[in-house]
Amino acid sequence: MKVIVDYDLCEANALCMEACPKVFRVEDDDTLTVLMDEVPEDLRTNLQEAERLCPRQAIRVEG
């Protein structure tokens, strides 16, 4: 699976990081970092929750 982030929409609210900390990290300067290019299948539920919780709908899961 791949995760796509629209950084123009992202406000770094950290809800994605709470839902899936193995994939998302909010940095000290309030920017979002995606920690892996290919997300393993066992994180699908967490990743979909992060996508659902994003208040700006800046996250999209593919695959």
PDB file of N, CA and C in Angstrom:
ATOM      1  N   MET A   1       0.830  -1.175   0.000  1.00  0.00           N
ATOM      2  CA  MET A   1       0.000   0.000   0.000  1.00  0.00           C
ATOM      3  C   MET A   1       0.877   1.241   0.000  1.00  0.00           C
ATOM      4  N   LYS A   2       0.352   2.258  -0.571  1.00  0.00           N
ATOM      5  CA  LYS A   2       1.020   3.559  -0.560  1.00  0.00           C
ATOM      6  C   LYS A   2       0.112   4.572   0.115  1.00  0.00           C
ATOM      7  N   VAL A   3       0.738   5.535   0.754  1.00  0.00           N
ATOM      8  CA  VAL A   3      -0.005   6.641   1.344  1.00  0.00           C
ATOM      9  C   VAL A   3       0.404   7.918   0.614  1.00  0.00           C
ATOM     10  N   ILE A   4      -0.598   8.681   0.221  1.00  0.00           N
ATOM     11  CA  ILE A   4      -0.380   9.941  -0.480  1.00  0.00           C
ATOM     12  C   ILE A   4      -0.867  11.056   0.439  1.00  0.00           C
ATOM     13  N   VAL A   5      -0.027  12.057   0.650  1.00  0.00           N
ATOM     14  CA  VAL A   5      -0.409  13.199   1.483  1.00  0.00           C
ATOM     15  C   VAL A   5      -0.394  14.450   0.616  1.00  0.00           C
ATOM     16  N   ASP A   6      -1.493  15.187   0.657  1.00  0.00           N
ATOM     17  CA  ASP A   6      -1.547  16.490   0.006  1.00  0.00           C
ATOM     18  C   ASP A   6      -1.042  17.509   1.029  1.00  0.00           C
ATOM     19  N   TYR A   7       0.213  17.861   0.909  1.00  0.00           N
ATOM     20  CA  TYR A   7       0.834  18.745   1.896  1.00  0.00           C
ATOM     21  C   TYR A   7       0.274  20.159   1.844  1.00  0.00           C
ATOM     22  N   ASP A   8      -0.379  20.525   0.750  1.00  0.00           N
ATOM     23  CA  ASP A   8      -1.041  21.830   0.683  1.00  0.00           C
ATOM     24  C   ASP A   8      -2.257  21.874   1.604  1.00  0.00           C
ATOM     25  N   LEU A   9      -2.882  20.729   1.826  1.00  0.00           N
ATOM     26  CA  LEU A   9      -4.041  20.647   2.715  1.00  0.00           C
ATOM     27  C   LEU A   9      -3.659  20.330   4.158  1.00  0.00           C
ATOM     28  N   CYS A  10      -2.572  19.611   4.350  1.00  0.00           N
ATOM     29  CA  CYS A  10      -2.187  19.108   5.668  1.00  0.00           C
ATOM     30  C   CYS A  10      -1.910  20.251   6.642  1.00  0.00           C
ATOM     31  N   GLU A  11      -2.520  20.147   7.824  1.00  0.00           N
ATOM     32  CA  GLU A  11      -2.289  21.116   8.897  1.00  0.00           C
ATOM     33  C   GLU A  11      -1.493  20.508  10.044  1.00  0.00           C
ATOM     34  N   ALA A  12      -1.003  19.295   9.873  1.00  0.00           N
ATOM     35  CA  ALA A  12      -0.205  18.598  10.888  1.00  0.00           C
ATOM     36  C   ALA A  12      -0.932  18.557  12.231  1.00  0.00           C
ATOM     37  N   ASN A  13      -2.194  18.144  12.195  1.00  0.00           N
ATOM     38  CA  ASN A  13      -3.000  18.042  13.412  1.00  0.00           C
ATOM     39  C   ASN A  13      -2.599  16.856  14.285  1.00  0.00           C
ATOM     40  N   ALA A  14      -1.829  15.940  13.756  1.00  0.00           N
ATOM     41  CA  ALA A  14      -1.290  14.774  14.453  1.00  0.00           C
ATOM     42  C   ALA A  14      -2.325  13.682  14.706  1.00  0.00           C
ATOM     43  N   LEU A  15      -3.526  13.801  14.175  1.00  0.00           N
ATOM     44  CA  LEU A  15      -4.504  12.729  14.333  1.00  0.00           C
ATOM     45  C   LEU A  15      -4.045  11.480  13.594  1.00  0.00           C
ATOM     46  N   CYS A  16      -3.404  11.655  12.450  1.00  0.00           N
ATOM     47  CA  CYS A  16      -2.885  10.516  11.704  1.00  0.00           C
ATOM     48  C   CYS A  16      -1.765   9.828  12.488  1.00  0.00           C
ATOM     49  N   MET A  17      -0.938  10.615  13.134  1.00  0.00           N
ATOM     50  CA  MET A  17       0.156  10.056  13.915  1.00  0.00           C
ATOM     51  C   MET A  17      -0.384   9.254  15.103  1.00  0.00           C
ATOM     52  N   GLU A  18      -1.448   9.726  15.714  1.00  0.00           N
ATOM     53  CA  GLU A  18      -2.067   8.988  16.816  1.00  0.00           C
ATOM     54  C   GLU A  18      -2.648   7.661  16.322  1.00  0.00           C
ATOM     55  N   ALA A  19      -3.239   7.665  15.131  1.00  0.00           N
ATOM     56  CA  ALA A  19      -3.857   6.458  14.583  1.00  0.00           C
ATOM     57  C   ALA A  19      -2.834   5.478  14.037  1.00  0.00           C
ATOM     58  N   CYS A  20      -1.738   5.993  13.496  1.00  0.00           N
ATOM     59  CA  CYS A  20      -0.765   5.124  12.836  1.00  0.00           C
ATOM     60  C   CYS A  20       0.659   5.681  13.005  1.00  0.00           C
ATOM     61  N   PRO A  21       1.208   5.598  14.208  1.00  0.00           N
ATOM     62  CA  PRO A  21       2.521   6.196  14.469  1.00  0.00           C
ATOM     63  C   PRO A  21       3.692   5.529  13.744  1.00  0.00           C
ATOM     64  N   LYS A  22       3.498   4.339  13.220  1.00  0.00           N
ATOM     65  CA  LYS A  22       4.568   3.691  12.457  1.00  0.00           C
ATOM     66  C   LYS A  22       4.706   4.294  11.062  1.00  0.00           C
ATOM     67  N   VAL A  23       3.681   5.031  10.629  1.00  0.00           N
ATOM     68  CA  VAL A  23       3.686   5.601   9.284  1.00  0.00           C
ATOM     69  C   VAL A  23       3.838   7.125   9.304  1.00  0.00           C
ATOM     70  N   PHE A  24       3.261   7.790  10.292  1.00  0.00           N
ATOM     71  CA  PHE A  24       3.240   9.254  10.322  1.00  0.00           C
ATOM     72  C   PHE A  24       3.969   9.796  11.542  1.00  0.00           C
ATOM     73  N   ARG A  25       4.684  10.916  11.329  1.00  0.00           N
ATOM     74  CA  ARG A  25       5.307  11.631  12.443  1.00  0.00           C
ATOM     75  C   ARG A  25       5.161  13.128  12.178  1.00  0.00           C
ATOM     76  N   VAL A  26       4.694  13.851  13.182  1.00  0.00           N
ATOM     77  CA  VAL A  26       4.640  15.307  13.102  1.00  0.00           C
ATOM     78  C   VAL A  26       5.919  15.837  13.748  1.00  0.00           C
ATOM     79  N   GLU A  27       6.631  16.629  12.989  1.00  0.00           N
ATOM     80  CA  GLU A  27       7.928  17.141  13.429  1.00  0.00           C
ATOM     81  C   GLU A  27       7.757  18.349  14.342  1.00  0.00           C
ATOM     82  N   ASP A  28       8.838  18.756  14.975  1.00  0.00           N
ATOM     83  CA  ASP A  28       8.821  19.905  15.875  1.00  0.00           C
ATOM     84  C   ASP A  28       8.412  21.198  15.167  1.00  0.00           C
ATOM     85  N   ASP A  29       8.654  21.268  13.858  1.00  0.00           N
ATOM     86  CA  ASP A  29       8.286  22.471  13.103  1.00  0.00           C
ATOM     87  C   ASP A  29       6.873  22.364  12.508  1.00  0.00           C
ATOM     88  N   ASP A  30       6.069  21.425  13.036  1.00  0.00           N
ATOM     89  CA  ASP A  30       4.675  21.229  12.611  1.00  0.00           C
ATOM     90  C   ASP A  30       4.539  20.842  11.141  1.00  0.00           C
ATOM     91  N   THR A  31       5.445  20.009  10.673  1.00  0.00           N
ATOM     92  CA  THR A  31       5.305  19.421   9.348  1.00  0.00           C
ATOM     93  C   THR A  31       5.128  17.916   9.519  1.00  0.00           C
ATOM     94  N   LEU A  32       4.469  17.312   8.558  1.00  0.00           N
ATOM     95  CA  LEU A  32       4.214  15.882   8.599  1.00  0.00           C
ATOM     96  C   LEU A  32       5.264  15.133   7.796  1.00  0.00           C
ATOM     97  N   THR A  33       5.751  14.041   8.372  1.00  0.00           N
ATOM     98  CA  THR A  33       6.675  13.159   7.675  1.00  0.00           C
ATOM     99  C   THR A  33       6.015  11.795   7.546  1.00  0.00           C
ATOM    100  N   VAL A  34       6.049  11.233   6.337  1.00  0.00           N
ATOM    101  CA  VAL A  34       5.604   9.862   6.104  1.00  0.00           C
ATOM    102  C   VAL A  34       6.844   8.994   6.237  1.00  0.00           C
ATOM    103  N   LEU A  35       6.796   8.033   7.138  1.00  0.00           N
ATOM    104  CA  LEU A  35       7.980   7.271   7.521  1.00  0.00           C
ATOM    105  C   LEU A  35       8.299   6.084   6.623  1.00  0.00           C
ATOM    106  N   MET A  36       7.373   5.683   5.757  1.00  0.00           N
ATOM    107  CA  MET A  36       7.662   4.554   4.862  1.00  0.00           C
ATOM    108  C   MET A  36       6.967   4.747   3.519  1.00  0.00           C
ATOM    109  N   ASP A  37       7.680   4.329   2.462  1.00  0.00           N
ATOM    110  CA  ASP A  37       7.125   4.439   1.112  1.00  0.00           C
ATOM    111  C   ASP A  37       6.056   3.386   0.860  1.00  0.00           C
ATOM    112  N   GLU A  38       6.343   2.164   1.256  1.00  0.00           N
ATOM    113  CA  GLU A  38       5.403   1.051   1.107  1.00  0.00           C
ATOM    114  C   GLU A  38       4.946   0.626   2.490  1.00  0.00           C
ATOM    115  N   VAL A  39       3.646   0.701   2.730  1.00  0.00           N
ATOM    116  CA  VAL A  39       3.095   0.363   4.039  1.00  0.00           C
ATOM    117  C   VAL A  39       2.671  -1.098   4.033  1.00  0.00           C
ATOM    118  N   PRO A  40       3.111  -1.890   5.009  1.00  0.00           N
ATOM    119  CA  PRO A  40       2.748  -3.307   5.048  1.00  0.00           C
ATOM    120  C   PRO A  40       1.256  -3.506   5.327  1.00  0.00           C
ATOM    121  N   GLU A  41       0.757  -4.610   4.842  1.00  0.00           N
ATOM    122  CA  GLU A  41      -0.664  -4.940   4.944  1.00  0.00           C
ATOM    123  C   GLU A  41      -1.156  -4.964   6.387  1.00  0.00           C
ATOM    124  N   ASP A  42      -0.314  -5.342   7.321  1.00  0.00           N
ATOM    125  CA  ASP A  42      -0.767  -5.436   8.713  1.00  0.00           C
ATOM    126  C   ASP A  42      -1.084  -4.074   9.335  1.00  0.00           C
ATOM    127  N   LEU A  43      -0.721  -2.984   8.652  1.00  0.00           N
ATOM    128  CA  LEU A  43      -1.058  -1.645   9.132  1.00  0.00           C
ATOM    129  C   LEU A  43      -2.274  -1.040   8.420  1.00  0.00           C
ATOM    130  N   ARG A  44      -2.933  -1.826   7.571  1.00  0.00           N
ATOM    131  CA  ARG A  44      -4.049  -1.309   6.773  1.00  0.00           C
ATOM    132  C   ARG A  44      -5.138  -0.653   7.636  1.00  0.00           C
ATOM    133  N   THR A  45      -5.559  -1.318   8.687  1.00  0.00           N
ATOM    134  CA  THR A  45      -6.641  -0.786   9.525  1.00  0.00           C
ATOM    135  C   THR A  45      -6.236   0.547  10.144  1.00  0.00           C
ATOM    136  N   ASN A  46      -5.021   0.623  10.667  1.00  0.00           N
ATOM    137  CA  ASN A  46      -4.539   1.866  11.267  1.00  0.00           C
ATOM    138  C   ASN A  46      -4.412   2.977  10.220  1.00  0.00           C
ATOM    139  N   LEU A  47      -3.923   2.611   9.061  1.00  0.00           N
ATOM    140  CA  LEU A  47      -3.747   3.587   7.998  1.00  0.00           C
ATOM    141  C   LEU A  47      -5.091   4.121   7.513  1.00  0.00           C
ATOM    142  N   GLN A  48      -6.070   3.257   7.364  1.00  0.00           N
ATOM    143  CA  GLN A  48      -7.401   3.695   6.963  1.00  0.00           C
ATOM    144  C   GLN A  48      -8.036   4.586   8.030  1.00  0.00           C
ATOM    145  N   GLU A  49      -7.765   4.293   9.291  1.00  0.00           N
ATOM    146  CA  GLU A  49      -8.258   5.140  10.378  1.00  0.00           C
ATOM    147  C   GLU A  49      -7.613   6.520  10.308  1.00  0.00           C
ATOM    148  N   ALA A  50      -6.332   6.576  10.013  1.00  0.00           N
ATOM    149  CA  ALA A  50      -5.646   7.856   9.856  1.00  0.00           C
ATOM    150  C   ALA A  50      -6.254   8.650   8.702  1.00  0.00           C
ATOM    151  N   GLU A  51      -6.540   7.970   7.616  1.00  0.00           N
ATOM    152  CA  GLU A  51      -7.166   8.619   6.460  1.00  0.00           C
ATOM    153  C   GLU A  51      -8.538   9.173   6.854  1.00  0.00           C
ATOM    154  N   ARG A  52      -9.313   8.386   7.579  1.00  0.00           N
ATOM    155  CA  ARG A  52     -10.659   8.785   7.977  1.00  0.00           C
ATOM    156  C   ARG A  52     -10.639   9.960   8.957  1.00  0.00           C
ATOM    157  N   LEU A  53      -9.672   9.980   9.863  1.00  0.00           N
ATOM    158  CA  LEU A  53      -9.618  11.005  10.900  1.00  0.00           C
ATOM    159  C   LEU A  53      -9.079  12.350  10.431  1.00  0.00           C
ATOM    160  N   CYS A  54      -8.409  12.379   9.313  1.00  0.00           N
ATOM    161  CA  CYS A  54      -7.796  13.624   8.843  1.00  0.00           C
ATOM    162  C   CYS A  54      -8.868  14.694   8.616  1.00  0.00           C
ATOM    163  N   PRO A  55      -8.827  15.774   9.386  1.00  0.00           N
ATOM    164  CA  PRO A  55      -9.875  16.791   9.261  1.00  0.00           C
ATOM    165  C   PRO A  55      -9.843  17.542   7.932  1.00  0.00           C
ATOM    166  N   ARG A  56      -8.702  17.546   7.269  1.00  0.00           N
ATOM    167  CA  ARG A  56      -8.569  18.246   5.991  1.00  0.00           C
ATOM    168  C   ARG A  56      -8.626  17.299   4.794  1.00  0.00           C
ATOM    169  N   GLN A  57      -8.805  16.010   5.057  1.00  0.00           N
ATOM    170  CA  GLN A  57      -8.829  14.987   4.012  1.00  0.00           C
ATOM    171  C   GLN A  57      -7.588  15.061   3.122  1.00  0.00           C
ATOM    172  N   ALA A  58      -6.450  15.219   3.790  1.00  0.00           N
ATOM    173  CA  ALA A  58      -5.176  15.355   3.087  1.00  0.00           C
ATOM    174  C   ALA A  58      -4.490  14.022   2.833  1.00  0.00           C
ATOM    175  N   ILE A  59      -5.035  12.938   3.399  1.00  0.00           N
ATOM    176  CA  ILE A  59      -4.417  11.615   3.288  1.00  0.00           C
ATOM    177  C   ILE A  59      -5.261  10.714   2.399  1.00  0.00           C
ATOM    178  N   ARG A  60      -4.565  10.013   1.504  1.00  0.00           N
ATOM    179  CA  ARG A  60      -5.237   9.041   0.634  1.00  0.00           C
ATOM    180  C   ARG A  60      -4.422   7.753   0.631  1.00  0.00           C
ATOM    181  N   VAL A  61      -5.099   6.645   0.799  1.00  0.00           N
ATOM    182  CA  VAL A  61      -4.462   5.331   0.791  1.00  0.00           C
ATOM    183  C   VAL A  61      -4.703   4.684  -0.564  1.00  0.00           C
ATOM    184  N   GLU A  62      -3.654   4.173  -1.183  1.00  0.00           N
ATOM    185  CA  GLU A  62      -3.782   3.469  -2.456  1.00  0.00           C
ATOM    186  C   GLU A  62      -3.260   2.049  -2.305  1.00  0.00           C
ATOM    187  N   GLY A  63      -4.016   1.127  -2.873  1.00  0.00           N
ATOM    188  CA  GLY A  63      -3.566  -0.259  -2.873  1.00  0.00           C
ATOM    189  C   GLY A  63      -4.236  -1.133  -1.869  1.00  0.00           C
TER     190      GLY A  63
END
